């Protein structure tokens, strides 16, 4: 502490007085004049006599030994792991490095904060201001594997800049990638092909969560049940569509595209859809079995997926009551959703009616009056209403 308080001018004055002192000087008076104690005077005098003018310089406060300091060997392992992860296109933050070293059975791996400090000292990362603590986030996770799957699509450019579509199915509980499909477009045919692959491998889920894309759902575009939804409901799976303008609902799958694209960017570019599919297959294996997941406390997705029993779908078809309020055409035709339509008579031309549909069963109402009941024939788009043909007879 004295080195920080006593100015250099006072130290030089002590040294100058020591040079001329023949042993008869009044040290107490000198200390009073300089504003220091006798202990401080003699300390700087001894340092001057032992080391000359250099002895007056401030001494380092660094301890002689630091038993808790990260060893040079551990620093080398951390920096090497960081370099390898960056080159391979994987996450290379402090937590990821720590999980990787632990899984490699390296003894005495330091905490993630210590790893981060090592990276900062080595100039490999730039310190950032304090962020919102992770403990303040509320993460929702389904309780069992196959309790909820999430499905989404993204795009990736081939070597010739042709844009390919990637579809993926992920388990919400374990973050495990269940199936990935490279295709030319995001449509219901390709979406079902990806889902079918996932179900062949892992069995059907209890629920599927998607956004409102037309490949997955038709309720926002045509007010009906899409092909994928209908096929899922037939086997007891409940399809759920996330609310619009609320990306947090499907946040897991949105974030999972980032490590994939970072990894793909580190690989040689694919020239064909088949080459890109092979890259995805390799990535899925590495992601599921080798990459420790931060949201899983360092477990891999396959370890979490296999740790508990799977949820199962319903043992009966899942139906959903769909209510719309279309306007009948000038000939009395009403849209039932999914392209199905029925003629309820010209007397209802231009009238807003209420259509209550439960799968293929339909009830059409006006206010509280039931106009007709109908069971949709899925082989026909234009339904036969059973009404007599021709104009209605008028009484004379």
Protein backbone atom coordinates (compact mmCIF):
# COMPACT_ATOMS: atom_id res chain seq x y z
CA UNK A 1 0.00 0.00 0.00
CA UNK A 2 2.91 2.36 0.80
CA UNK A 3 4.14 2.19 -2.80
CA UNK A 4 0.81 3.55 -3.94
CA UNK A 5 0.70 6.42 -1.38
CA UNK A 6 4.25 7.78 -1.20
CA UNK A 7 5.04 9.96 -4.20
CA UNK A 8 8.20 9.58 -6.25
CA UNK A 9 9.38 13.07 -5.15
CA UNK A 10 9.33 11.97 -1.51
CA UNK A 11 11.22 8.77 -2.34
CA UNK A 12 13.88 10.76 -4.19
CA UNK A 13 14.15 13.13 -1.22
CA UNK A 14 14.76 10.16 1.08
CA UNK A 15 17.52 8.92 -1.24
CA UNK A 16 19.13 12.37 -1.46
CA UNK A 17 19.10 12.73 2.32
CA UNK A 18 20.67 9.26 2.67
CA UNK A 19 23.57 10.32 0.41
CA UNK A 20 24.54 13.26 2.64
CA UNK A 21 23.65 11.79 6.02
CA UNK A 22 26.73 11.11 8.14
CA UNK A 23 24.72 9.64 11.02
CA UNK A 24 24.10 12.88 12.92
CA UNK A 25 20.98 14.08 11.05
CA UNK A 26 17.60 14.45 12.77
CA UNK A 27 15.61 11.72 11.02
CA UNK A 28 12.45 12.58 12.96
CA UNK A 29 12.57 16.16 11.72
CA UNK A 30 13.13 14.98 8.11
CA UNK A 31 10.15 12.62 8.31
CA UNK A 32 7.98 15.42 9.73
CA UNK A 33 9.02 17.69 6.85
CA UNK A 34 8.35 15.00 4.20
CA UNK A 35 5.08 13.87 5.81
CA UNK A 36 6.07 10.22 6.25
CA UNK A 37 6.71 7.89 9.17
CA UNK A 38 10.15 6.72 10.34
CA UNK A 39 9.27 3.16 9.17
CA UNK A 40 8.57 4.46 5.68
CA UNK A 41 11.79 6.49 5.67
CA UNK A 42 13.99 3.55 6.62
CA UNK A 43 12.17 1.20 4.24
CA UNK A 44 12.94 3.40 1.22
CA UNK A 45 16.42 4.08 2.50
CA UNK A 46 17.18 0.35 2.74
CA UNK A 47 15.77 -0.21 -0.77
CA UNK A 48 17.95 2.65 -2.12
CA UNK A 49 21.08 1.35 -0.43
CA UNK A 50 20.42 -2.19 -1.72
CA UNK A 51 19.32 -1.48 -5.31
CA UNK A 52 20.18 2.13 -6.01
CA UNK A 53 17.69 4.38 -7.77
CA UNK A 54 15.79 1.32 -9.17
CA UNK A 55 14.92 0.35 -5.61
CA UNK A 56 12.68 3.41 -5.38
CA UNK A 57 10.39 2.25 -8.19
CA UNK A 58 6.99 0.74 -7.23
CA UNK A 59 7.20 -2.99 -6.54
CA UNK A 60 4.96 -5.48 -8.34
CA UNK A 61 1.93 -6.63 -6.33
CA UNK A 62 1.88 -9.95 -8.15
CA UNK A 63 2.20 -12.89 -5.74
CA UNK A 64 5.29 -15.08 -5.92
CA UNK A 65 3.13 -18.10 -6.69
CA UNK A 66 -0.45 -18.60 -8.03
CA UNK A 67 -1.59 -22.14 -7.24
CA UNK A 68 -5.02 -21.47 -8.76
CA UNK A 69 -3.74 -20.13 -12.07
CA UNK A 70 -4.64 -22.08 -15.21
CA UNK A 71 -1.70 -24.24 -16.18
CA UNK A 72 0.10 -23.64 -19.50
CA UNK A 73 -0.93 -27.16 -20.58
CA UNK A 74 -4.62 -26.38 -20.00
CA UNK A 75 -4.28 -23.05 -21.83
CA UNK A 76 -2.80 -24.95 -24.79
CA UNK A 77 -5.70 -27.47 -24.75
CA UNK A 78 -8.28 -24.67 -24.62
CA UNK A 79 -6.75 -22.71 -27.49
CA UNK A 80 -6.28 -25.86 -29.58
CA UNK A 81 -9.90 -26.92 -29.03
CA UNK A 82 -11.07 -23.42 -29.93
CA UNK A 83 -9.09 -23.51 -33.19
CA UNK A 84 -10.34 -26.97 -34.15
CA UNK A 85 -14.00 -26.11 -33.48
CA UNK A 86 -13.77 -22.91 -35.53
CA UNK A 87 -12.14 -24.76 -38.43
CA UNK A 88 -14.84 -27.45 -38.37
CA UNK A 89 -17.70 -24.94 -38.18
CA UNK A 90 -18.92 -25.84 -34.67
CA UNK A 91 -19.74 -23.63 -31.70
CA UNK A 92 -16.48 -22.43 -30.17
CA UNK A 93 -17.57 -20.49 -27.09
CA UNK A 94 -16.33 -21.10 -23.55
CA UNK A 95 -19.18 -23.45 -22.57
CA UNK A 96 -18.83 -25.52 -25.74
CA UNK A 97 -15.06 -25.84 -25.24
CA UNK A 98 -15.52 -26.89 -21.63
CA UNK A 99 -18.11 -29.55 -22.54
CA UNK A 100 -15.84 -30.90 -25.28
CA UNK A 101 -12.85 -31.17 -22.93
CA UNK A 102 -14.96 -32.91 -20.28
CA UNK A 103 -16.29 -35.43 -22.79
CA UNK A 104 -12.68 -36.08 -23.86
CA UNK A 105 -12.05 -37.01 -20.18
CA UNK A 106 -9.47 -34.28 -19.67
CA UNK A 107 -8.88 -34.00 -15.89
CA UNK A 108 -9.44 -30.78 -13.91
CA UNK A 109 -11.22 -28.86 -16.65
CA UNK A 110 -11.82 -25.28 -15.37
CA UNK A 111 -15.19 -23.56 -15.30
CA UNK A 112 -16.69 -21.89 -18.36
CA UNK A 113 -15.85 -18.47 -16.90
CA UNK A 114 -12.19 -19.44 -16.52
CA UNK A 115 -12.15 -20.79 -20.07
CA UNK A 116 -13.60 -17.48 -21.25
CA UNK A 117 -10.91 -15.52 -19.39
CA UNK A 118 -8.24 -17.70 -21.04
CA UNK A 119 -9.72 -16.96 -24.47
CA UNK A 120 -9.73 -13.23 -23.68
CA UNK A 121 -6.09 -13.26 -22.51
CA UNK A 122 -5.09 -15.14 -25.67
CA UNK A 123 -6.87 -12.55 -27.82
CA UNK A 124 -9.25 -15.14 -29.29
CA UNK A 125 -12.47 -13.43 -28.19
CA UNK A 126 -13.45 -9.84 -27.49
CA UNK A 127 -14.96 -9.15 -24.05
CA UNK A 128 -18.60 -8.11 -24.30
CA UNK A 129 -20.76 -6.12 -21.86
CA UNK A 130 -22.72 -8.16 -19.35
CA UNK A 131 -25.79 -9.73 -20.92
CA UNK A 132 -29.08 -10.79 -19.45
CA UNK A 133 -28.37 -13.77 -17.13
CA UNK A 134 -29.38 -17.15 -18.48
CA UNK A 135 -31.28 -17.90 -15.27
CA UNK A 136 -33.77 -15.14 -16.17
CA UNK A 137 -34.95 -16.98 -19.29
CA UNK A 138 -37.90 -19.32 -19.02
CA UNK A 139 -37.24 -22.25 -21.33
CA UNK A 140 -40.19 -24.50 -22.13
CA UNK A 141 -39.44 -28.11 -22.84
CA UNK A 142 -41.78 -31.08 -23.33
CA UNK A 143 -41.42 -33.70 -20.64
CA UNK A 144 -40.80 -36.76 -22.83
CA UNK A 145 -39.24 -37.71 -26.17
CA UNK A 146 -41.79 -37.68 -29.01
CA UNK A 147 -44.08 -35.54 -26.88
CA UNK A 148 -43.68 -32.76 -29.41
CA UNK A 149 -41.81 -32.60 -32.69
CA UNK A 150 -41.00 -29.37 -34.49
CA UNK A 151 -40.72 -29.07 -38.25
CA UNK A 152 -39.44 -26.25 -40.41
CA UNK A 153 -37.66 -25.47 -43.65
CA UNK A 154 -34.80 -23.24 -44.76
CA UNK A 155 -32.78 -22.63 -47.92
CA UNK A 156 -29.15 -23.24 -48.86
CA UNK A 157 -27.29 -22.44 -52.07
CA UNK A 158 -25.43 -25.11 -54.04
CA UNK A 159 -22.05 -24.48 -55.66
CA UNK A 160 -23.74 -23.02 -58.78
CA UNK A 161 -25.99 -20.77 -56.64
CA UNK A 162 -29.03 -22.98 -57.22
CA UNK A 163 -31.22 -22.62 -54.14
CA UNK A 164 -32.14 -25.88 -52.40
CA UNK A 165 -34.70 -26.39 -49.65
CA UNK A 166 -33.86 -28.19 -46.41
CA UNK A 167 -36.67 -29.67 -44.31
CA UNK A 168 -35.98 -30.89 -40.80
CA UNK A 169 -37.86 -32.61 -37.97
CA UNK A 170 -36.54 -32.06 -34.41
CA UNK A 171 -37.62 -33.51 -31.07
CA UNK A 172 -38.53 -30.73 -28.63
CA UNK A 173 -37.51 -32.63 -25.48
CA UNK A 174 -34.04 -33.71 -26.57
CA UNK A 175 -33.22 -31.38 -29.52
CA UNK A 176 -32.41 -34.51 -31.47
CA UNK A 177 -32.63 -34.22 -35.27
CA UNK A 178 -35.02 -36.97 -36.33
CA UNK A 179 -34.85 -36.49 -40.11
CA UNK A 180 -33.52 -34.01 -42.66
CA UNK A 181 -34.52 -33.84 -46.32
CA UNK A 182 -32.98 -31.89 -49.17
CA UNK A 183 -35.51 -31.07 -51.90
CA UNK A 184 -36.33 -28.54 -54.58
CA UNK A 185 -39.32 -26.92 -52.86
CA UNK A 186 -41.11 -26.65 -49.53
CA UNK A 187 -44.46 -28.30 -50.21
CA UNK A 188 -46.76 -30.80 -48.54
CA UNK A 189 -45.42 -33.77 -50.53
CA UNK A 190 -41.83 -33.18 -49.42
CA UNK A 191 -42.93 -32.28 -45.89
CA UNK A 192 -44.76 -35.60 -45.54
CA UNK A 193 -41.76 -37.48 -46.99
CA UNK A 194 -39.53 -35.96 -44.28
CA UNK A 195 -42.08 -36.74 -41.57
CA UNK A 196 -42.54 -40.28 -42.86
CA UNK A 197 -38.77 -40.87 -42.60
CA UNK A 198 -38.73 -39.57 -39.02
CA UNK A 199 -41.68 -41.78 -38.02
CA UNK A 200 -40.13 -44.85 -39.62
CA UNK A 201 -37.01 -44.30 -37.53
CA UNK A 202 -38.48 -43.22 -34.21
CA UNK A 203 -42.24 -43.86 -34.21
CA UNK A 204 -44.97 -41.19 -34.44
CA UNK A 205 -45.10 -38.27 -31.98
CA UNK A 206 -48.00 -37.10 -29.85
CA UNK A 207 -47.88 -33.61 -31.40
CA UNK A 208 -46.25 -31.77 -34.31
CA UNK A 209 -45.55 -28.04 -34.03
CA UNK A 210 -45.02 -25.98 -37.20
CA UNK A 211 -45.41 -22.44 -38.41
CA UNK A 212 -48.22 -21.46 -40.77
CA UNK A 213 -46.39 -22.39 -43.98
CA UNK A 214 -48.57 -23.85 -46.73
CA UNK A 215 -46.47 -27.03 -46.75
CA UNK A 216 -47.61 -27.79 -43.21
CA UNK A 217 -51.04 -26.18 -42.79
CA UNK A 218 -53.87 -24.71 -44.86
CA UNK A 219 -55.92 -23.10 -42.12
CA UNK A 220 -54.59 -19.57 -42.65
CA UNK A 221 -54.74 -19.61 -46.44
CA UNK A 222 -57.92 -21.55 -47.18
CA UNK A 223 -59.46 -21.99 -43.76
CA UNK A 224 -59.26 -25.78 -43.96
CA UNK A 225 -57.16 -28.74 -42.95
CA UNK A 226 -54.11 -29.36 -45.13
CA UNK A 227 -52.95 -32.70 -46.46
CA UNK A 228 -50.18 -33.07 -43.87
CA UNK A 229 -52.55 -32.13 -41.04
CA UNK A 230 -55.20 -34.56 -42.26
CA UNK A 231 -52.76 -37.46 -42.52
CA UNK A 232 -51.34 -36.74 -39.06
CA UNK A 233 -54.80 -36.56 -37.49
CA UNK A 234 -55.70 -39.89 -39.10
CA UNK A 235 -52.91 -41.62 -37.13
CA UNK A 236 -53.62 -39.85 -33.84
CA UNK A 237 -51.04 -37.06 -34.06
CA UNK A 238 -52.20 -33.57 -33.11
CA UNK A 239 -50.85 -30.90 -35.52
CA UNK A 240 -50.38 -27.48 -33.89
CA UNK A 241 -49.69 -24.26 -35.79
CA UNK A 242 -47.77 -21.47 -34.06
CA UNK A 243 -49.42 -18.09 -33.73
CA UNK A 244 -48.48 -15.56 -36.42
CA UNK A 245 -45.86 -12.91 -35.57
CA UNK A 246 -44.72 -14.95 -32.55
CA UNK A 247 -41.44 -16.66 -33.55
CA UNK A 248 -40.63 -17.56 -29.92
CA UNK A 249 -43.07 -20.48 -30.14
CA UNK A 250 -40.78 -22.23 -32.64
CA UNK A 251 -37.59 -20.70 -31.29
CA UNK A 252 -35.69 -23.98 -30.89
CA UNK A 253 -35.85 -24.93 -34.55
CA UNK A 254 -35.11 -21.38 -35.66
CA UNK A 255 -31.91 -21.30 -33.59
CA UNK A 256 -30.90 -24.78 -34.75
CA UNK A 257 -30.45 -23.52 -38.31
CA UNK A 258 -27.50 -21.35 -37.19
CA UNK A 259 -25.04 -24.15 -36.29
CA UNK A 260 -26.05 -26.10 -39.41
CA UNK A 261 -25.33 -23.20 -41.75
CA UNK A 262 -22.09 -22.42 -39.95
CA UNK A 263 -21.02 -26.06 -40.33
CA UNK A 264 -22.06 -26.20 -44.01
CA UNK A 265 -20.08 -23.03 -44.71
CA UNK A 266 -16.95 -24.78 -43.39
CA UNK A 267 -17.38 -27.75 -45.77
CA UNK A 268 -16.67 -27.94 -49.52
CA UNK A 269 -19.78 -26.67 -51.35
CA UNK A 270 -22.24 -29.28 -52.60
CA UNK A 271 -22.87 -29.38 -56.36
CA UNK A 272 -26.09 -31.43 -56.33
CA UNK A 273 -29.04 -32.10 -54.07
CA UNK A 274 -27.67 -35.59 -53.44
CA UNK A 275 -24.30 -34.21 -52.28
CA UNK A 276 -26.05 -31.76 -49.96
CA UNK A 277 -28.16 -34.61 -48.58
CA UNK A 278 -25.01 -36.58 -47.75
CA UNK A 279 -23.60 -33.56 -45.92
CA UNK A 280 -26.80 -33.23 -43.93
CA UNK A 281 -26.78 -36.92 -43.03
CA UNK A 282 -23.22 -36.55 -41.70
CA UNK A 283 -24.14 -33.39 -39.79
CA UNK A 284 -27.17 -35.05 -38.17
CA UNK A 285 -25.03 -37.90 -36.85
CA UNK A 286 -22.40 -35.51 -35.45
CA UNK A 287 -25.01 -33.17 -33.97
CA UNK A 288 -26.95 -35.98 -32.32
CA UNK A 289 -24.10 -38.12 -31.01
CA UNK A 290 -20.94 -35.99 -30.72
CA UNK A 291 -21.84 -32.33 -30.12
CA UNK A 292 -22.59 -31.54 -26.44
CA UNK A 293 -25.67 -29.33 -26.26
CA UNK A 294 -25.57 -26.30 -23.97
CA UNK A 295 -29.33 -26.47 -23.28
CA UNK A 296 -28.86 -30.08 -22.14
CA UNK A 297 -26.05 -29.36 -19.64
CA UNK A 298 -23.47 -30.90 -21.95
CA UNK A 299 -25.43 -34.02 -22.88
CA UNK A 300 -25.77 -34.97 -26.54
CA UNK A 301 -29.29 -35.04 -28.00
CA UNK A 302 -29.25 -38.82 -28.43
CA UNK A 303 -28.32 -39.28 -24.76
CA UNK A 304 -31.27 -37.13 -23.68
CA UNK A 305 -33.64 -38.79 -26.18
CA UNK A 306 -32.86 -42.30 -24.90
CA UNK A 307 -32.96 -41.37 -21.20
CA UNK A 308 -36.75 -41.65 -20.75
CA UNK A 309 -39.75 -43.44 -22.31
CA UNK A 310 -41.28 -41.99 -25.45
CA UNK A 311 -44.67 -40.32 -25.58
CA UNK A 312 -47.16 -41.91 -27.98
CA UNK A 313 -49.96 -40.49 -30.16
CA UNK A 314 -53.65 -40.97 -29.52
CA UNK A 315 -55.11 -44.42 -30.25
CA UNK A 316 -57.84 -42.87 -32.40
CA UNK A 317 -58.01 -40.26 -35.16
CA UNK A 318 -57.76 -36.69 -33.89
CA UNK A 319 -60.48 -34.37 -35.14
CA UNK A 320 -60.76 -30.61 -34.94
CA UNK A 321 -63.82 -28.43 -35.15
CA UNK A 322 -63.24 -25.72 -37.76
CA UNK A 323 -65.60 -22.72 -37.90
CA UNK A 324 -65.63 -20.32 -40.85
CA UNK A 325 -68.03 -17.65 -42.07
CA UNK A 326 -67.91 -17.62 -45.88
CA UNK A 327 -70.21 -15.69 -48.15
CA UNK A 328 -72.33 -17.72 -50.54
CA UNK A 329 -71.77 -16.98 -54.23
CA UNK A 330 -74.44 -15.46 -56.46
CA UNK A 331 -75.58 -19.01 -57.19
CA UNK A 332 -75.61 -20.13 -53.57
CA UNK A 333 -72.27 -21.99 -53.57
CA UNK A 334 -70.38 -22.17 -50.25
CA UNK A 335 -66.70 -23.01 -49.72
CA UNK A 336 -66.10 -25.72 -47.10
CA UNK A 337 -62.29 -25.54 -46.99
CA UNK A 338 -59.57 -27.64 -48.67
CA UNK A 339 -61.16 -26.84 -52.04
CA UNK A 340 -64.48 -28.55 -51.19
CA UNK A 341 -67.69 -26.63 -52.01
CA UNK A 342 -71.40 -27.22 -51.95
CA UNK A 343 -74.48 -25.49 -53.37
CA UNK A 344 -77.08 -24.61 -50.74
CA UNK A 345 -79.50 -22.89 -53.14
CA UNK A 346 -79.86 -19.55 -54.89
CA UNK A 347 -82.05 -18.21 -52.08
CA UNK A 348 -78.85 -17.90 -50.03
CA UNK A 349 -76.94 -16.00 -52.73
CA UNK A 350 -74.65 -13.34 -51.23
CA UNK A 351 -75.54 -14.29 -47.66
CA UNK A 352 -72.87 -14.80 -45.00
CA UNK A 353 -73.30 -18.23 -43.45
CA UNK A 354 -71.53 -20.16 -40.71
CA UNK A 355 -69.78 -23.43 -41.62
CA UNK A 356 -68.97 -25.76 -38.72
CA UNK A 357 -66.71 -28.56 -39.88
CA UNK A 358 -65.46 -31.52 -37.86
CA UNK A 359 -63.13 -33.40 -40.20
CA UNK A 360 -65.55 -34.49 -43.01
CA UNK A 361 -68.80 -33.69 -41.19
CA UNK A 362 -70.23 -30.26 -41.97
CA UNK A 363 -73.13 -28.20 -40.63
CA UNK A 364 -74.09 -24.95 -42.37
CA UNK A 365 -76.08 -22.36 -40.41
CA UNK A 366 -77.53 -18.90 -40.84
CA UNK A 367 -77.85 -17.21 -37.48
CA UNK A 368 -79.34 -20.07 -35.42
CA UNK A 369 -81.05 -21.81 -38.33
CA UNK A 370 -79.48 -24.99 -39.71
CA UNK A 371 -79.47 -24.81 -43.50
CA UNK A 372 -78.07 -28.29 -44.10
CA UNK A 373 -75.92 -31.10 -42.75
CA UNK A 374 -73.43 -32.84 -45.00
CA UNK A 375 -70.70 -35.49 -44.95
CA UNK A 376 -67.92 -34.58 -47.38
CA UNK A 377 -67.08 -37.06 -50.10
CA UNK A 378 -63.25 -36.73 -50.26
CA UNK A 379 -63.23 -37.98 -53.86
CA UNK A 380 -65.17 -34.93 -55.10
CA UNK A 381 -64.37 -31.25 -54.83
CA UNK A 382 -67.93 -30.22 -55.69
CA UNK A 383 -70.22 -31.94 -53.21
CA UNK A 384 -73.63 -33.34 -54.10
CA UNK A 385 -76.07 -31.58 -51.80
CA UNK A 386 -79.08 -33.84 -52.45
CA UNK A 387 -81.24 -30.84 -53.33
CA UNK A 388 -83.64 -31.32 -56.29
CA UNK A 389 -82.21 -30.03 -59.56
CA UNK A 390 -83.76 -27.14 -61.46
CA UNK A 391 -85.52 -24.06 -60.21
CA UNK A 392 -87.76 -24.41 -57.21
CA UNK A 393 -91.47 -24.67 -58.05
CA UNK A 394 -93.64 -21.67 -57.36
CA UNK A 395 -97.13 -22.05 -55.96
CA UNK A 396 -100.07 -20.79 -58.00
